[in-house]
């Protein structure tokens, strides 16, 4: 009886100590992993948010680029770290959801992680080479159906969001398309601007808006319910028959390993919301092309992430994707 009481008291003491540790979080440096090279959209947002979170928590936040296997190495570093919130990911669906679907060498799984915060979304668009004789998505579909050979589209790799979005568009439009995978967005965009590719899906971020405004490529539809502020003259995909449920974007948030306690995830969530409440931080994040997300509770974030995982798996199955 006494032994049982002692064990119970020891357990309670341990829980109290754990709660106190969580209440002090963060008490030291936080490492924020980005799964892609420095200078990319995720990296830029991570560095803005890392600085803002550090100011809010009075603890340093160091951004570390862990690159390889379509972002899988960065995700694995966070998933395999202690679940204490000191190694976190500034992540997107690209490496969390789509890389495991398309790259056989990727060892991460979406449910290795949980979402602690959502910063926002980058809208997507469908574009064509500047001399392709189409100006709307409907015209692209008709042109592709009559073309003597399949129109070539690019992506950032097999199973990437860009790949699956293009395959889904071709499936909805009922035309054939030839996939050309690239090792990153920069070479893919270069070949679209150079006329090597006929069409493709791109983010409304980085050099893409400039390429459109300078006439190097033509944007024919934004993947959004209505035209967006950055490209107000480009119509929504939903103006084209069959594309009413064509809904994709690249979100960016903070993720932690799946066993991270709620108290730590909630502290990160609060730090992000506090940072985004500052006009200068909001302006810096929006300058990257990100549309800020509304605040979400941890339970809502859990549901959001599960829905995103299910949606990714569904589109991969619908286009017959096999990991390569």
C-alpha atoms as a PDB file:
ATOM      1  CA  UNK A   1       0.000   0.000   0.000  1.00  0.00           C
ATOM      2  CA  UNK A   2       2.789   2.408   1.026  1.00  0.00           C
ATOM      3  CA  UNK A   3       4.798   1.446  -2.030  1.00  0.00           C
ATOM      4  CA  UNK A   4       1.822   2.162  -4.307  1.00  0.00           C
ATOM      5  CA  UNK A   5       1.290   5.523  -2.646  1.00  0.00           C
ATOM      6  CA  UNK A   6       4.956   6.405  -3.137  1.00  0.00           C
ATOM      7  CA  UNK A   7       4.784   5.462  -6.824  1.00  0.00           C
ATOM      8  CA  UNK A   8       1.674   7.557  -7.302  1.00  0.00           C
ATOM      9  CA  UNK A   9       3.277  10.531  -5.557  1.00  0.00           C
ATOM     10  CA  UNK A  10       6.401  10.162  -7.698  1.00  0.00           C
ATOM     11  CA  UNK A  11       4.279  10.116 -10.852  1.00  0.00           C
ATOM     12  CA  UNK A  12       2.399  13.231  -9.765  1.00  0.00           C
ATOM     13  CA  UNK A  13       5.674  14.978  -9.004  1.00  0.00           C
ATOM     14  CA  UNK A  14       6.922  14.070 -12.462  1.00  0.00           C
ATOM     15  CA  UNK A  15       3.808  15.496 -14.075  1.00  0.00           C
ATOM     16  CA  UNK A  16       4.169  18.700 -12.092  1.00  0.00           C
ATOM     17  CA  UNK A  17       7.791  19.046 -13.211  1.00  0.00           C
ATOM     18  CA  UNK A  18       6.828  18.382 -16.818  1.00  0.00           C
ATOM     19  CA  UNK A  19       4.059  20.972 -16.618  1.00  0.00           C
ATOM     20  CA  UNK A  20       6.470  23.505 -15.175  1.00  0.00           C
ATOM     21  CA  UNK A  21       8.965  22.810 -17.971  1.00  0.00           C
ATOM     22  CA  UNK A  22       6.254  23.279 -20.570  1.00  0.00           C
ATOM     23  CA  UNK A  23       5.133  26.499 -18.921  1.00  0.00           C
ATOM     24  CA  UNK A  24       8.680  27.871 -19.293  1.00  0.00           C
ATOM     25  CA  UNK A  25       8.891  26.973 -22.978  1.00  0.00           C
ATOM     26  CA  UNK A  26      10.955  28.127 -24.708  1.00  0.00           C
ATOM     27  CA  UNK A  27      13.761  28.393 -22.192  1.00  0.00           C
ATOM     28  CA  UNK A  28      16.592  28.196 -24.731  1.00  0.00           C
ATOM     29  CA  UNK A  29      17.381  28.365 -28.454  1.00  0.00           C
ATOM     30  CA  UNK A  30      14.838  26.936 -30.917  1.00  0.00           C
ATOM     31  CA  UNK A  31      16.054  25.450 -34.208  1.00  0.00           C
ATOM     32  CA  UNK A  32      13.663  26.034 -37.114  1.00  0.00           C
ATOM     33  CA  UNK A  33      14.308  23.641 -39.998  1.00  0.00           C
ATOM     34  CA  UNK A  34      13.533  24.548 -43.606  1.00  0.00           C
ATOM     35  CA  UNK A  35      13.566  21.551 -45.950  1.00  0.00           C
ATOM     36  CA  UNK A  36      14.580  23.564 -49.028  1.00  0.00           C
ATOM     37  CA  UNK A  37      17.560  25.763 -49.992  1.00  0.00           C
ATOM     38  CA  UNK A  38      18.133  29.237 -48.630  1.00  0.00           C
ATOM     39  CA  UNK A  39      16.417  32.002 -50.571  1.00  0.00           C
ATOM     40  CA  UNK A  40      13.289  30.034 -51.505  1.00  0.00           C
ATOM     41  CA  UNK A  41       9.754  31.039 -50.452  1.00  0.00           C
ATOM     42  CA  UNK A  42       9.692  28.783 -47.365  1.00  0.00           C
ATOM     43  CA  UNK A  43      13.107  30.002 -46.283  1.00  0.00           C
ATOM     44  CA  UNK A  44      12.190  33.682 -46.616  1.00  0.00           C
ATOM     45  CA  UNK A  45       9.001  33.268 -44.553  1.00  0.00           C
ATOM     46  CA  UNK A  46      10.846  31.149 -41.981  1.00  0.00           C
ATOM     47  CA  UNK A  47      13.478  33.832 -41.432  1.00  0.00           C
ATOM     48  CA  UNK A  48      10.869  36.584 -41.048  1.00  0.00           C
ATOM     49  CA  UNK A  49       8.853  34.493 -38.589  1.00  0.00           C
ATOM     50  CA  UNK A  50      11.918  33.189 -36.781  1.00  0.00           C
ATOM     51  CA  UNK A  51      13.056  36.713 -35.998  1.00  0.00           C
ATOM     52  CA  UNK A  52       9.555  37.753 -34.901  1.00  0.00           C
ATOM     53  CA  UNK A  53       9.103  34.677 -32.683  1.00  0.00           C
ATOM     54  CA  UNK A  54      12.507  35.288 -31.102  1.00  0.00           C
ATOM     55  CA  UNK A  55      11.485  38.836 -30.234  1.00  0.00           C
ATOM     56  CA  UNK A  56       8.220  37.579 -28.731  1.00  0.00           C
ATOM     57  CA  UNK A  57       9.778  34.774 -26.659  1.00  0.00           C
ATOM     58  CA  UNK A  58      13.140  36.427 -25.841  1.00  0.00           C
ATOM     59  CA  UNK A  59      14.874  33.245 -27.025  1.00  0.00           C
ATOM     60  CA  UNK A  60      16.930  32.878 -30.233  1.00  0.00           C
ATOM     61  CA  UNK A  61      15.411  31.067 -33.217  1.00  0.00           C
ATOM     62  CA  UNK A  62      18.006  29.716 -35.644  1.00  0.00           C
ATOM     63  CA  UNK A  63      16.895  28.782 -39.166  1.00  0.00           C
ATOM     64  CA  UNK A  64      18.627  25.697 -40.566  1.00  0.00           C
ATOM     65  CA  UNK A  65      18.300  24.511 -44.175  1.00  0.00           C
ATOM     66  CA  UNK A  66      18.270  20.703 -44.314  1.00  0.00           C
ATOM     67  CA  UNK A  67      17.959  19.856 -48.004  1.00  0.00           C
ATOM     68  CA  UNK A  68      17.511  16.546 -49.821  1.00  0.00           C
ATOM     69  CA  UNK A  69      15.072  13.895 -51.100  1.00  0.00           C
ATOM     70  CA  UNK A  70      12.408  16.447 -51.981  1.00  0.00           C
ATOM     71  CA  UNK A  71      12.417  17.886 -48.464  1.00  0.00           C
ATOM     72  CA  UNK A  72      12.173  14.511 -46.715  1.00  0.00           C
ATOM     73  CA  UNK A  73      15.514  14.923 -44.922  1.00  0.00           C
ATOM     74  CA  UNK A  74      14.372  18.140 -43.272  1.00  0.00           C
ATOM     75  CA  UNK A  75      11.100  16.590 -42.140  1.00  0.00           C
ATOM     76  CA  UNK A  76      12.892  13.526 -40.747  1.00  0.00           C
ATOM     77  CA  UNK A  77      15.282  15.679 -38.745  1.00  0.00           C
ATOM     78  CA  UNK A  78      12.335  17.255 -36.929  1.00  0.00           C
ATOM     79  CA  UNK A  79      10.302  14.041 -36.653  1.00  0.00           C
ATOM     80  CA  UNK A  80      13.244  12.203 -35.083  1.00  0.00           C
ATOM     81  CA  UNK A  81      14.220  15.003 -32.688  1.00  0.00           C
ATOM     82  CA  UNK A  82      13.049  14.998 -29.052  1.00  0.00           C
ATOM     83  CA  UNK A  83       9.380  16.028 -28.854  1.00  0.00           C
ATOM     84  CA  UNK A  84      10.178  19.108 -26.797  1.00  0.00           C
ATOM     85  CA  UNK A  85       9.553  21.911 -29.298  1.00  0.00           C
ATOM     86  CA  UNK A  86      13.198  22.902 -29.682  1.00  0.00           C
ATOM     87  CA  UNK A  87      13.470  21.493 -33.219  1.00  0.00           C
ATOM     88  CA  UNK A  88      10.567  22.639 -35.369  1.00  0.00           C
ATOM     89  CA  UNK A  89       9.767  22.776 -39.082  1.00  0.00           C
ATOM     90  CA  UNK A  90       8.668  25.692 -41.218  1.00  0.00           C
ATOM     91  CA  UNK A  91       6.878  23.316 -43.522  1.00  0.00           C
ATOM     92  CA  UNK A  92       4.486  23.039 -46.437  1.00  0.00           C
ATOM     93  CA  UNK A  93       2.458  20.287 -48.096  1.00  0.00           C
ATOM     94  CA  UNK A  94       5.268  19.924 -50.661  1.00  0.00           C
ATOM     95  CA  UNK A  95       7.620  18.021 -48.353  1.00  0.00           C
ATOM     96  CA  UNK A  96       5.142  16.878 -45.700  1.00  0.00           C
ATOM     97  CA  UNK A  97       2.485  15.315 -47.934  1.00  0.00           C
ATOM     98  CA  UNK A  98       3.498  15.157 -51.593  1.00  0.00           C
ATOM     99  CA  UNK A  99       7.116  14.022 -51.342  1.00  0.00           C
ATOM    100  CA  UNK A 100       6.174  10.738 -49.598  1.00  0.00           C
ATOM    101  CA  UNK A 101       3.565  10.148 -52.315  1.00  0.00           C
ATOM    102  CA  UNK A 102       5.934  10.553 -55.251  1.00  0.00           C
ATOM    103  CA  UNK A 103       9.468   9.729 -54.097  1.00  0.00           C
ATOM    104  CA  UNK A 104      10.148   6.133 -53.118  1.00  0.00           C
ATOM    105  CA  UNK A 105      13.341   7.117 -51.285  1.00  0.00           C
ATOM    106  CA  UNK A 106      11.441   9.434 -48.925  1.00  0.00           C
ATOM    107  CA  UNK A 107      11.103   7.792 -45.513  1.00  0.00           C
ATOM    108  CA  UNK A 108       8.900  10.419 -43.869  1.00  0.00           C
ATOM    109  CA  UNK A 109       5.144  10.032 -43.491  1.00  0.00           C
ATOM    110  CA  UNK A 110       2.671  12.914 -43.135  1.00  0.00           C
ATOM    111  CA  UNK A 111       1.469  11.704 -39.749  1.00  0.00           C
ATOM    112  CA  UNK A 112       4.998  11.788 -38.326  1.00  0.00           C
ATOM    113  CA  UNK A 113       4.229  15.452 -37.665  1.00  0.00           C
ATOM    114  CA  UNK A 114       1.528  17.692 -36.234  1.00  0.00           C
ATOM    115  CA  UNK A 115       0.719  21.316 -36.984  1.00  0.00           C
ATOM    116  CA  UNK A 116       1.365  23.941 -34.344  1.00  0.00           C
ATOM    117  CA  UNK A 117       0.500  27.008 -36.416  1.00  0.00           C
ATOM    118  CA  UNK A 118      -0.526  28.093 -39.878  1.00  0.00           C
ATOM    119  CA  UNK A 119       0.942  31.308 -41.270  1.00  0.00           C
ATOM    120  CA  UNK A 120      -0.781  31.469 -44.640  1.00  0.00           C
ATOM    121  CA  UNK A 121      -1.119  30.246 -48.205  1.00  0.00           C
ATOM    122  CA  UNK A 122       0.521  31.010 -51.518  1.00  0.00           C
ATOM    123  CA  UNK A 123      -2.006  30.997 -54.395  1.00  0.00           C
ATOM    124  CA  UNK A 124      -1.257  28.976 -57.518  1.00  0.00           C
ATOM    125  CA  UNK A 125      -1.879  29.676 -61.200  1.00  0.00           C
ATOM    126  CA  UNK A 126      -1.878  27.964 -64.570  1.00  0.00           C
ATOM    127  CA  UNK A 127       0.444  29.548 -67.135  1.00  0.00           C
ATOM    128  CA  UNK A 128       1.547  28.915 -70.722  1.00  0.00           C
ATOM    129  CA  UNK A 129       4.556  29.870 -72.816  1.00  0.00           C
ATOM    130  CA  UNK A 130       4.290  33.390 -74.198  1.00  0.00           C
ATOM    131  CA  UNK A 131       3.718  32.328 -77.836  1.00  0.00           C
ATOM    132  CA  UNK A 132       1.168  29.561 -77.230  1.00  0.00           C
ATOM    133  CA  UNK A 133      -1.952  30.824 -79.044  1.00  0.00           C
ATOM    134  CA  UNK A 134      -4.296  30.637 -76.037  1.00  0.00           C
ATOM    135  CA  UNK A 135      -5.359  33.224 -73.455  1.00  0.00           C
ATOM    136  CA  UNK A 136      -7.781  31.308 -71.241  1.00  0.00           C
ATOM    137  CA  UNK A 137      -7.950  27.890 -69.603  1.00  0.00           C
ATOM    138  CA  UNK A 138     -10.844  26.903 -71.871  1.00  0.00           C
ATOM    139  CA  UNK A 139      -8.746  27.817 -74.913  1.00  0.00           C
ATOM    140  CA  UNK A 140      -5.810  25.767 -73.566  1.00  0.00           C
ATOM    141  CA  UNK A 141      -8.074  22.733 -73.231  1.00  0.00           C
ATOM    142  CA  UNK A 142      -9.389  23.059 -76.791  1.00  0.00           C
ATOM    143  CA  UNK A 143      -5.916  23.671 -78.179  1.00  0.00           C
ATOM    144  CA  UNK A 144      -4.486  20.668 -76.333  1.00  0.00           C
ATOM    145  CA  UNK A 145      -7.234  18.387 -77.620  1.00  0.00           C
ATOM    146  CA  UNK A 146      -6.455  19.346 -81.230  1.00  0.00           C
ATOM    147  CA  UNK A 147      -2.654  19.429 -80.935  1.00  0.00           C
ATOM    148  CA  UNK A 148      -0.780  16.782 -82.976  1.00  0.00           C
ATOM    149  CA  UNK A 149       1.185  15.720 -79.889  1.00  0.00           C
ATOM    150  CA  UNK A 150       0.678  16.081 -76.122  1.00  0.00           C
ATOM    151  CA  UNK A 151       1.561  19.504 -74.727  1.00  0.00           C
ATOM    152  CA  UNK A 152       4.588  19.397 -72.408  1.00  0.00           C
ATOM    153  CA  UNK A 153       4.290  20.669 -68.850  1.00  0.00           C
ATOM    154  CA  UNK A 154       6.916  21.006 -66.145  1.00  0.00           C
ATOM    155  CA  UNK A 155       6.998  20.371 -62.418  1.00  0.00           C
ATOM    156  CA  UNK A 156       9.434  20.341 -59.528  1.00  0.00           C
ATOM    157  CA  UNK A 157       9.495  16.544 -59.543  1.00  0.00           C
ATOM    158  CA  UNK A 158       7.412  13.392 -59.777  1.00  0.00           C
ATOM    159  CA  UNK A 159       4.642  13.499 -57.189  1.00  0.00           C
ATOM    160  CA  UNK A 160       5.153  17.171 -56.435  1.00  0.00           C
ATOM    161  CA  UNK A 161       2.135  19.414 -55.976  1.00  0.00           C
ATOM    162  CA  UNK A 162       2.932  21.039 -59.336  1.00  0.00           C
ATOM    163  CA  UNK A 163       2.925  17.624 -61.010  1.00  0.00           C
ATOM    164  CA  UNK A 164      -0.345  16.465 -59.478  1.00  0.00           C
ATOM    165  CA  UNK A 165      -2.099  19.785 -60.120  1.00  0.00           C
ATOM    166  CA  UNK A 166      -1.162  19.668 -63.797  1.00  0.00           C
ATOM    167  CA  UNK A 167      -2.204  16.011 -64.134  1.00  0.00           C
ATOM    168  CA  UNK A 168      -5.512  16.825 -62.446  1.00  0.00           C
ATOM    169  CA  UNK A 169      -6.103  19.795 -64.790  1.00  0.00           C
ATOM    170  CA  UNK A 170      -5.410  17.607 -67.823  1.00  0.00           C
ATOM    171  CA  UNK A 171      -7.744  14.937 -66.457  1.00  0.00           C
ATOM    172  CA  UNK A 172     -10.554  17.451 -65.895  1.00  0.00           C
ATOM    173  CA  UNK A 173      -9.980  18.981 -69.336  1.00  0.00           C
ATOM    174  CA  UNK A 174      -9.757  15.510 -70.927  1.00  0.00           C
ATOM    175  CA  UNK A 175      -6.565  16.134 -72.867  1.00  0.00           C
ATOM    176  CA  UNK A 176      -3.173  14.433 -72.978  1.00  0.00           C
ATOM    177  CA  UNK A 177      -0.089  16.040 -71.500  1.00  0.00           C
ATOM    178  CA  UNK A 178       3.601  15.164 -71.323  1.00  0.00           C
ATOM    179  CA  UNK A 179       5.291  15.532 -67.927  1.00  0.00           C
ATOM    180  CA  UNK A 180       8.833  16.926 -67.692  1.00  0.00           C
ATOM    181  CA  UNK A 181      10.094  16.824 -64.079  1.00  0.00           C
ATOM    182  CA  UNK A 182      12.774  19.293 -62.962  1.00  0.00           C
ATOM    183  CA  UNK A 183      15.034  19.556 -59.947  1.00  0.00           C
ATOM    184  CA  UNK A 184      13.429  22.675 -58.537  1.00  0.00           C
ATOM    185  CA  UNK A 185      11.263  25.591 -59.550  1.00  0.00           C
ATOM    186  CA  UNK A 186      14.000  27.783 -61.064  1.00  0.00           C
ATOM    187  CA  UNK A 187      14.979  25.501 -63.998  1.00  0.00           C
ATOM    188  CA  UNK A 188      11.331  24.623 -64.616  1.00  0.00           C
ATOM    189  CA  UNK A 189      10.329  28.294 -64.836  1.00  0.00           C
ATOM    190  CA  UNK A 190      13.342  29.033 -67.047  1.00  0.00           C
ATOM    191  CA  UNK A 191      12.257  26.440 -69.617  1.00  0.00           C
ATOM    192  CA  UNK A 192       8.660  27.664 -69.567  1.00  0.00           C
ATOM    193  CA  UNK A 193       9.897  31.202 -70.216  1.00  0.00           C
ATOM    194  CA  UNK A 194      12.209  29.865 -72.929  1.00  0.00           C
ATOM    195  CA  UNK A 195       9.435  28.025 -74.762  1.00  0.00           C
ATOM    196  CA  UNK A 196      10.813  24.542 -74.078  1.00  0.00           C
ATOM    197  CA  UNK A 197       7.604  23.752 -72.164  1.00  0.00           C
ATOM    198  CA  UNK A 198       4.051  24.549 -73.268  1.00  0.00           C
ATOM    199  CA  UNK A 199       2.309  25.068 -69.931  1.00  0.00           C
ATOM    200  CA  UNK A 200       2.399  24.351 -66.231  1.00  0.00           C
ATOM    201  CA  UNK A 201       1.353  25.246 -62.713  1.00  0.00           C
ATOM    202  CA  UNK A 202       3.251  27.876 -60.747  1.00  0.00           C
ATOM    203  CA  UNK A 203       3.047  29.693 -57.397  1.00  0.00           C
ATOM    204  CA  UNK A 204       2.132  33.373 -57.309  1.00  0.00           C
ATOM    205  CA  UNK A 205       5.404  34.092 -55.550  1.00  0.00           C
ATOM    206  CA  UNK A 206       9.090  34.745 -56.105  1.00  0.00           C
ATOM    207  CA  UNK A 207       9.984  35.558 -59.733  1.00  0.00           C
ATOM    208  CA  UNK A 208       6.686  34.313 -61.175  1.00  0.00           C
ATOM    209  CA  UNK A 209       4.616  37.556 -60.999  1.00  0.00           C
ATOM    210  CA  UNK A 210       7.522  39.441 -62.565  1.00  0.00           C
ATOM    211  CA  UNK A 211       7.768  36.920 -65.411  1.00  0.00           C
ATOM    212  CA  UNK A 212       4.063  37.426 -66.085  1.00  0.00           C
ATOM    213  CA  UNK A 213       4.209  41.215 -65.961  1.00  0.00           C
ATOM    214  CA  UNK A 214       7.217  41.287 -68.306  1.00  0.00           C
ATOM    215  CA  UNK A 215       5.446  39.057 -70.833  1.00  0.00           C
ATOM    216  CA  UNK A 216       7.843  36.111 -70.514  1.00  0.00           C
ATOM    217  CA  UNK A 217       4.919  33.776 -69.742  1.00  0.00           C
ATOM    218  CA  UNK A 218       1.127  34.120 -69.872  1.00  0.00           C
ATOM    219  CA  UNK A 219      -1.031  33.480 -66.813  1.00  0.00           C
ATOM    220  CA  UNK A 220      -4.393  32.131 -67.923  1.00  0.00           C
ATOM    221  CA  UNK A 221      -6.088  31.239 -64.603  1.00  0.00           C
ATOM    222  CA  UNK A 222      -5.491  31.630 -60.876  1.00  0.00           C
ATOM    223  CA  UNK A 223      -6.324  28.686 -58.648  1.00  0.00           C
ATOM    224  CA  UNK A 224      -8.604  30.637 -56.320  1.00  0.00           C
ATOM    225  CA  UNK A 225     -12.350  31.246 -55.959  1.00  0.00           C
ATOM    226  CA  UNK A 226     -11.929  34.691 -57.577  1.00  0.00           C
ATOM    227  CA  UNK A 227      -9.180  36.871 -59.078  1.00  0.00           C
ATOM    228  CA  UNK A 228      -6.484  37.813 -56.567  1.00  0.00           C
ATOM    229  CA  UNK A 229      -5.072  41.236 -55.714  1.00  0.00           C
ATOM    230  CA  UNK A 230      -1.584  40.458 -57.094  1.00  0.00           C
ATOM    231  CA  UNK A 231      -2.990  39.537 -60.543  1.00  0.00           C
ATOM    232  CA  UNK A 232      -6.436  41.146 -60.724  1.00  0.00           C
ATOM    233  CA  UNK A 233      -6.871  40.674 -64.490  1.00  0.00           C
ATOM    234  CA  UNK A 234      -6.267  36.912 -64.432  1.00  0.00           C
ATOM    235  CA  UNK A 235      -9.562  34.999 -64.095  1.00  0.00           C
ATOM    236  CA  UNK A 236     -10.287  32.220 -61.626  1.00  0.00           C
ATOM    237  CA  UNK A 237     -10.118  28.583 -62.742  1.00  0.00           C
ATOM    238  CA  UNK A 238     -13.699  28.350 -61.540  1.00  0.00           C
ATOM    239  CA  UNK A 239     -14.778  30.372 -64.555  1.00  0.00           C
ATOM    240  CA  UNK A 240     -13.994  27.265 -66.628  1.00  0.00           C
ATOM    241  CA  UNK A 241     -16.469  24.391 -66.780  1.00  0.00           C
ATOM    242  CA  UNK A 242     -15.435  21.410 -64.660  1.00  0.00           C
ATOM    243  CA  UNK A 243     -13.016  23.317 -62.423  1.00  0.00           C
ATOM    244  CA  UNK A 244     -15.444  24.235 -59.651  1.00  0.00           C
ATOM    245  CA  UNK A 245     -13.674  21.933 -57.165  1.00  0.00           C
ATOM    246  CA  UNK A 246     -10.128  22.519 -58.420  1.00  0.00           C
ATOM    247  CA  UNK A 247      -8.731  23.845 -55.152  1.00  0.00           C
ATOM    248  CA  UNK A 248      -5.023  23.878 -54.364  1.00  0.00           C
ATOM    249  CA  UNK A 249      -2.506  26.158 -52.683  1.00  0.00           C
ATOM    250  CA  UNK A 250       0.837  25.951 -50.911  1.00  0.00           C
ATOM    251  CA  UNK A 251       0.342  26.672 -47.235  1.00  0.00           C
ATOM    252  CA  UNK A 252       3.167  27.277 -44.820  1.00  0.00           C
ATOM    253  CA  UNK A 253       3.046  26.636 -41.104  1.00  0.00           C
ATOM    254  CA  UNK A 254       5.025  25.443 -38.117  1.00  0.00           C
ATOM    255  CA  UNK A 255       5.119  21.708 -37.516  1.00  0.00           C
ATOM    256  CA  UNK A 256       6.488  19.655 -34.644  1.00  0.00           C
ATOM    257  CA  UNK A 257       6.961  15.926 -34.142  1.00  0.00           C
ATOM    258  CA  UNK A 258       3.694  14.105 -33.517  1.00  0.00           C
ATOM    259  CA  UNK A 259       4.318  13.399 -29.810  1.00  0.00           C
ATOM    260  CA  UNK A 260       4.961  17.034 -28.904  1.00  0.00           C
ATOM    261  CA  UNK A 261       2.731  18.016 -25.943  1.00  0.00           C
ATOM    262  CA  UNK A 262      -0.229  20.319 -26.526  1.00  0.00           C
ATOM    263  CA  UNK A 263       1.228  22.928 -24.170  1.00  0.00           C
ATOM    264  CA  UNK A 264       4.300  23.366 -26.364  1.00  0.00           C
ATOM    265  CA  UNK A 265       2.312  23.367 -29.610  1.00  0.00           C
ATOM    266  CA  UNK A 266      -0.041  25.947 -28.091  1.00  0.00           C
ATOM    267  CA  UNK A 267       2.908  28.140 -27.076  1.00  0.00           C
ATOM    268  CA  UNK A 268       4.204  28.092 -30.658  1.00  0.00           C
ATOM    269  CA  UNK A 269       0.736  28.882 -31.946  1.00  0.00           C
ATOM    270  CA  UNK A 270       0.497  31.883 -29.616  1.00  0.00           C
ATOM    271  CA  UNK A 271       3.945  33.103 -30.654  1.00  0.00           C
ATOM    272  CA  UNK A 272       3.001  32.983 -34.341  1.00  0.00           C
ATOM    273  CA  UNK A 273      -0.278  34.808 -33.778  1.00  0.00           C
ATOM    274  CA  UNK A 274       1.491  37.474 -31.710  1.00  0.00           C
ATOM    275  CA  UNK A 275       4.093  37.908 -34.436  1.00  0.00           C
ATOM    276  CA  UNK A 276       1.512  38.191 -37.211  1.00  0.00           C
ATOM    277  CA  UNK A 277      -0.370  40.820 -35.196  1.00  0.00           C
ATOM    278  CA  UNK A 278       2.530  43.200 -35.866  1.00  0.00           C
ATOM    279  CA  UNK A 279       2.037  45.251 -39.071  1.00  0.00           C
ATOM    280  CA  UNK A 280       5.702  45.088 -40.098  1.00  0.00           C
ATOM    281  CA  UNK A 281       5.764  41.279 -39.791  1.00  0.00           C
ATOM    282  CA  UNK A 282       2.510  40.928 -41.698  1.00  0.00           C
ATOM    283  CA  UNK A 283       3.855  43.174 -44.444  1.00  0.00           C
ATOM    284  CA  UNK A 284       7.089  41.183 -44.738  1.00  0.00           C
ATOM    285  CA  UNK A 285       5.257  37.858 -44.955  1.00  0.00           C
ATOM    286  CA  UNK A 286       2.717  39.173 -47.465  1.00  0.00           C
ATOM    287  CA  UNK A 287       5.567  40.535 -49.611  1.00  0.00           C
ATOM    288  CA  UNK A 288       6.548  36.917 -50.348  1.00  0.00           C
ATOM    289  CA  UNK A 289       3.138  36.284 -51.948  1.00  0.00           C
ATOM    290  CA  UNK A 290       1.601  34.617 -48.899  1.00  0.00           C
ATOM    291  CA  UNK A 291      -2.029  35.359 -48.062  1.00  0.00           C
ATOM    292  CA  UNK A 292      -2.238  35.281 -44.268  1.00  0.00           C
ATOM    293  CA  UNK A 293      -4.379  32.584 -42.660  1.00  0.00           C
ATOM    294  CA  UNK A 294      -7.014  33.235 -39.984  1.00  0.00           C
ATOM    295  CA  UNK A 295      -6.126  32.056 -36.446  1.00  0.00           C
ATOM    296  CA  UNK A 296      -6.768  28.368 -35.763  1.00  0.00           C
ATOM    297  CA  UNK A 297      -6.945  26.357 -32.544  1.00  0.00           C
ATOM    298  CA  UNK A 298      -4.838  23.208 -32.181  1.00  0.00           C
ATOM    299  CA  UNK A 299      -7.884  20.997 -32.740  1.00  0.00           C
ATOM    300  CA  UNK A 300      -8.765  22.919 -35.887  1.00  0.00           C
ATOM    301  CA  UNK A 301      -5.169  22.614 -37.090  1.00  0.00           C
ATOM    302  CA  UNK A 302      -5.280  18.853 -36.484  1.00  0.00           C
ATOM    303  CA  UNK A 303      -8.433  18.597 -38.603  1.00  0.00           C
ATOM    304  CA  UNK A 304      -6.993  20.851 -41.303  1.00  0.00           C
ATOM    305  CA  UNK A 305      -3.836  18.749 -41.562  1.00  0.00           C
ATOM    306  CA  UNK A 306      -5.758  15.463 -41.712  1.00  0.00           C
ATOM    307  CA  UNK A 307      -7.966  16.873 -44.475  1.00  0.00           C
ATOM    308  CA  UNK A 308      -4.892  17.985 -46.431  1.00  0.00           C
ATOM    309  CA  UNK A 309      -3.320  14.534 -46.107  1.00  0.00           C
ATOM    310  CA  UNK A 310      -6.520  12.894 -47.344  1.00  0.00           C
ATOM    311  CA  UNK A 311      -6.846  15.320 -50.258  1.00  0.00           C
ATOM    312  CA  UNK A 312      -3.263  14.692 -51.345  1.00  0.00           C
ATOM    313  CA  UNK A 313      -3.713  10.924 -51.254  1.00  0.00           C
ATOM    314  CA  UNK A 314      -6.970  11.200 -53.199  1.00  0.00           C
ATOM    315  CA  UNK A 315      -5.527  13.238 -56.070  1.00  0.00           C
ATOM    316  CA  UNK A 316      -2.462  10.983 -56.245  1.00  0.00           C
ATOM    317  CA  UNK A 317      -4.751   7.953 -56.563  1.00  0.00           C
ATOM    318  CA  UNK A 318      -6.960   9.679 -59.136  1.00  0.00           C
ATOM    319  CA  UNK A 319      -4.047  10.310 -61.510  1.00  0.00           C
ATOM    320  CA  UNK A 320      -2.469   6.901 -60.885  1.00  0.00           C
ATOM    321  CA  UNK A 321       0.692   8.216 -59.220  1.00  0.00           C
ATOM    322  CA  UNK A 322       3.336   5.616 -58.362  1.00  0.00           C
ATOM    323  CA  UNK A 323       6.363   6.544 -56.210  1.00  0.00           C
ATOM    324  CA  UNK A 324       9.572   6.622 -58.225  1.00  0.00           C
END
